[in-house]
Amino acid sequence: MSTTPINATLAQTERDAVLQAISTIKEKLPFLVDRTYATVTSDGAAAPYRAPNN
């Protein structure tokens, strides 16, 4: 996956709001920021992600 650098200037209040939003996401939806991956099987169970062999 390629990366695209960004450049932004935020006021302190905007920065605080972004950091608070990230904190809320980490608290309420930690699976969205977890660095592990899972797939869902046909029966709805989560299965560990296995990278394809290249």
N, C-alpha and C. Protein backbone atom coordinates (compact mmCIF):
# COMPACT_ATOMS: atom_id res chain seq x y z
N MET A 1 0.85 -1.16 0.00
CA MET A 1 0.00 0.00 0.00
C MET A 1 0.89 1.23 0.00
N SER A 2 0.60 2.16 -0.87
CA SER A 2 1.40 3.37 -0.91
C SER A 2 0.90 4.36 0.14
N THR A 3 1.75 5.27 0.51
CA THR A 3 1.37 6.29 1.48
C THR A 3 1.38 7.65 0.81
N THR A 4 0.52 8.52 1.27
CA THR A 4 0.45 9.88 0.77
C THR A 4 0.62 10.82 1.94
N PRO A 5 1.75 11.55 1.98
CA PRO A 5 1.94 12.48 3.10
C PRO A 5 0.93 13.62 3.02
N ILE A 6 0.53 14.09 4.18
CA ILE A 6 -0.39 15.23 4.24
C ILE A 6 0.24 16.32 5.09
N ASN A 7 -0.21 17.52 4.86
CA ASN A 7 0.28 18.66 5.62
C ASN A 7 -0.95 19.48 6.01
N ALA A 8 -1.10 19.75 7.29
CA ALA A 8 -2.26 20.49 7.76
C ALA A 8 -1.88 21.35 8.95
N THR A 9 -2.57 22.44 9.08
CA THR A 9 -2.40 23.31 10.24
C THR A 9 -3.74 23.37 10.97
N LEU A 10 -3.70 23.04 12.25
CA LEU A 10 -4.92 23.05 13.05
C LEU A 10 -4.77 24.01 14.22
N ALA A 11 -5.86 24.67 14.53
CA ALA A 11 -5.89 25.48 15.75
C ALA A 11 -5.85 24.52 16.93
N GLN A 12 -5.44 25.00 18.08
CA GLN A 12 -5.35 24.14 19.26
C GLN A 12 -6.68 23.49 19.60
N THR A 13 -7.78 24.24 19.47
CA THR A 13 -9.09 23.65 19.78
C THR A 13 -9.45 22.54 18.80
N GLU A 14 -9.07 22.70 17.53
CA GLU A 14 -9.32 21.65 16.54
C GLU A 14 -8.47 20.43 16.85
N ARG A 15 -7.21 20.65 17.21
CA ARG A 15 -6.32 19.55 17.56
C ARG A 15 -6.86 18.79 18.76
N ASP A 16 -7.29 19.52 19.77
CA ASP A 16 -7.86 18.89 20.96
C ASP A 16 -9.09 18.05 20.60
N ALA A 17 -9.94 18.57 19.69
CA ALA A 17 -11.14 17.84 19.29
C ALA A 17 -10.77 16.55 18.56
N VAL A 18 -9.76 16.60 17.69
CA VAL A 18 -9.32 15.40 16.97
C VAL A 18 -8.77 14.38 17.95
N LEU A 19 -7.93 14.80 18.86
CA LEU A 19 -7.35 13.88 19.83
C LEU A 19 -8.42 13.27 20.73
N GLN A 20 -9.42 14.04 21.10
CA GLN A 20 -10.52 13.53 21.91
C GLN A 20 -11.33 12.50 21.12
N ALA A 21 -11.56 12.77 19.84
CA ALA A 21 -12.29 11.82 19.00
C ALA A 21 -11.53 10.50 18.87
N ILE A 22 -10.22 10.58 18.68
CA ILE A 22 -9.40 9.37 18.60
C ILE A 22 -9.45 8.61 19.91
N SER A 23 -9.39 9.31 21.01
CA SER A 23 -9.47 8.67 22.31
C SER A 23 -10.80 7.96 22.50
N THR A 24 -11.88 8.59 22.07
CA THR A 24 -13.21 7.98 22.17
C THR A 24 -13.29 6.72 21.31
N ILE A 25 -12.76 6.77 20.10
CA ILE A 25 -12.77 5.60 19.22
C ILE A 25 -11.98 4.46 19.86
N LYS A 26 -10.81 4.76 20.41
CA LYS A 26 -10.01 3.73 21.06
C LYS A 26 -10.75 3.11 22.24
N GLU A 27 -11.51 3.93 22.96
CA GLU A 27 -12.24 3.44 24.14
C GLU A 27 -13.47 2.63 23.74
N LYS A 28 -14.25 3.14 22.81
CA LYS A 28 -15.53 2.52 22.48
C LYS A 28 -15.43 1.45 21.39
N LEU A 29 -14.46 1.60 20.48
CA LEU A 29 -14.35 0.69 19.34
C LEU A 29 -12.89 0.25 19.15
N PRO A 30 -12.30 -0.38 20.15
CA PRO A 30 -10.88 -0.69 20.08
C PRO A 30 -10.51 -1.60 18.92
N PHE A 31 -11.45 -2.41 18.43
CA PHE A 31 -11.15 -3.31 17.32
C PHE A 31 -10.86 -2.55 16.03
N LEU A 32 -11.25 -1.28 15.95
CA LEU A 32 -10.96 -0.49 14.76
C LEU A 32 -9.52 -0.02 14.70
N VAL A 33 -8.86 0.05 15.83
CA VAL A 33 -7.48 0.53 15.86
C VAL A 33 -6.50 -0.54 16.29
N ASP A 34 -7.01 -1.75 16.52
CA ASP A 34 -6.15 -2.87 16.86
C ASP A 34 -5.28 -3.21 15.65
N ARG A 35 -4.05 -3.59 15.88
CA ARG A 35 -3.15 -3.89 14.77
C ARG A 35 -3.21 -5.35 14.32
N THR A 36 -4.17 -6.08 14.82
CA THR A 36 -4.35 -7.45 14.35
C THR A 36 -5.53 -7.47 13.39
N TYR A 37 -5.58 -8.48 12.57
CA TYR A 37 -6.63 -8.59 11.58
C TYR A 37 -7.37 -9.91 11.77
N ALA A 38 -8.62 -9.92 11.42
CA ALA A 38 -9.40 -11.14 11.48
C ALA A 38 -10.31 -11.18 10.26
N THR A 39 -10.69 -12.37 9.90
CA THR A 39 -11.68 -12.57 8.84
C THR A 39 -12.90 -13.20 9.48
N VAL A 40 -14.00 -13.16 8.79
CA VAL A 40 -15.23 -13.76 9.31
C VAL A 40 -15.54 -14.98 8.46
N THR A 41 -15.78 -16.09 9.13
CA THR A 41 -16.10 -17.34 8.43
C THR A 41 -17.57 -17.35 8.04
N SER A 42 -17.96 -18.32 7.24
CA SER A 42 -19.34 -18.40 6.75
C SER A 42 -20.36 -18.51 7.87
N ASP A 43 -19.96 -19.03 9.03
CA ASP A 43 -20.90 -19.14 10.15
C ASP A 43 -20.88 -17.89 11.05
N GLY A 44 -20.15 -16.85 10.64
CA GLY A 44 -20.13 -15.61 11.39
C GLY A 44 -19.07 -15.52 12.46
N ALA A 45 -18.28 -16.57 12.64
CA ALA A 45 -17.23 -16.56 13.65
C ALA A 45 -16.00 -15.83 13.12
N ALA A 46 -15.27 -15.20 14.01
CA ALA A 46 -14.03 -14.53 13.62
C ALA A 46 -12.91 -15.56 13.55
N ALA A 47 -12.12 -15.46 12.51
CA ALA A 47 -10.97 -16.35 12.35
C ALA A 47 -9.73 -15.49 12.16
N PRO A 48 -8.60 -15.90 12.67
CA PRO A 48 -7.38 -15.09 12.51
C PRO A 48 -7.06 -14.87 11.03
N TYR A 49 -6.61 -13.68 10.72
CA TYR A 49 -6.21 -13.37 9.35
C TYR A 49 -4.93 -14.09 9.01
N ARG A 50 -4.90 -14.67 7.87
CA ARG A 50 -3.68 -15.33 7.37
C ARG A 50 -3.31 -14.69 6.06
N ALA A 51 -2.13 -14.09 6.02
CA ALA A 51 -1.68 -13.44 4.80
C ALA A 51 -1.41 -14.49 3.73
N PRO A 52 -1.73 -14.18 2.48
CA PRO A 52 -1.46 -15.14 1.42
C PRO A 52 0.04 -15.35 1.23
N ASN A 53 0.40 -16.55 0.87
CA ASN A 53 1.80 -16.85 0.59
C ASN A 53 2.12 -16.37 -0.82
N ASN A 54 3.10 -15.52 -0.95
CA ASN A 54 3.48 -15.01 -2.28
C ASN A 54 4.74 -15.67 -2.74
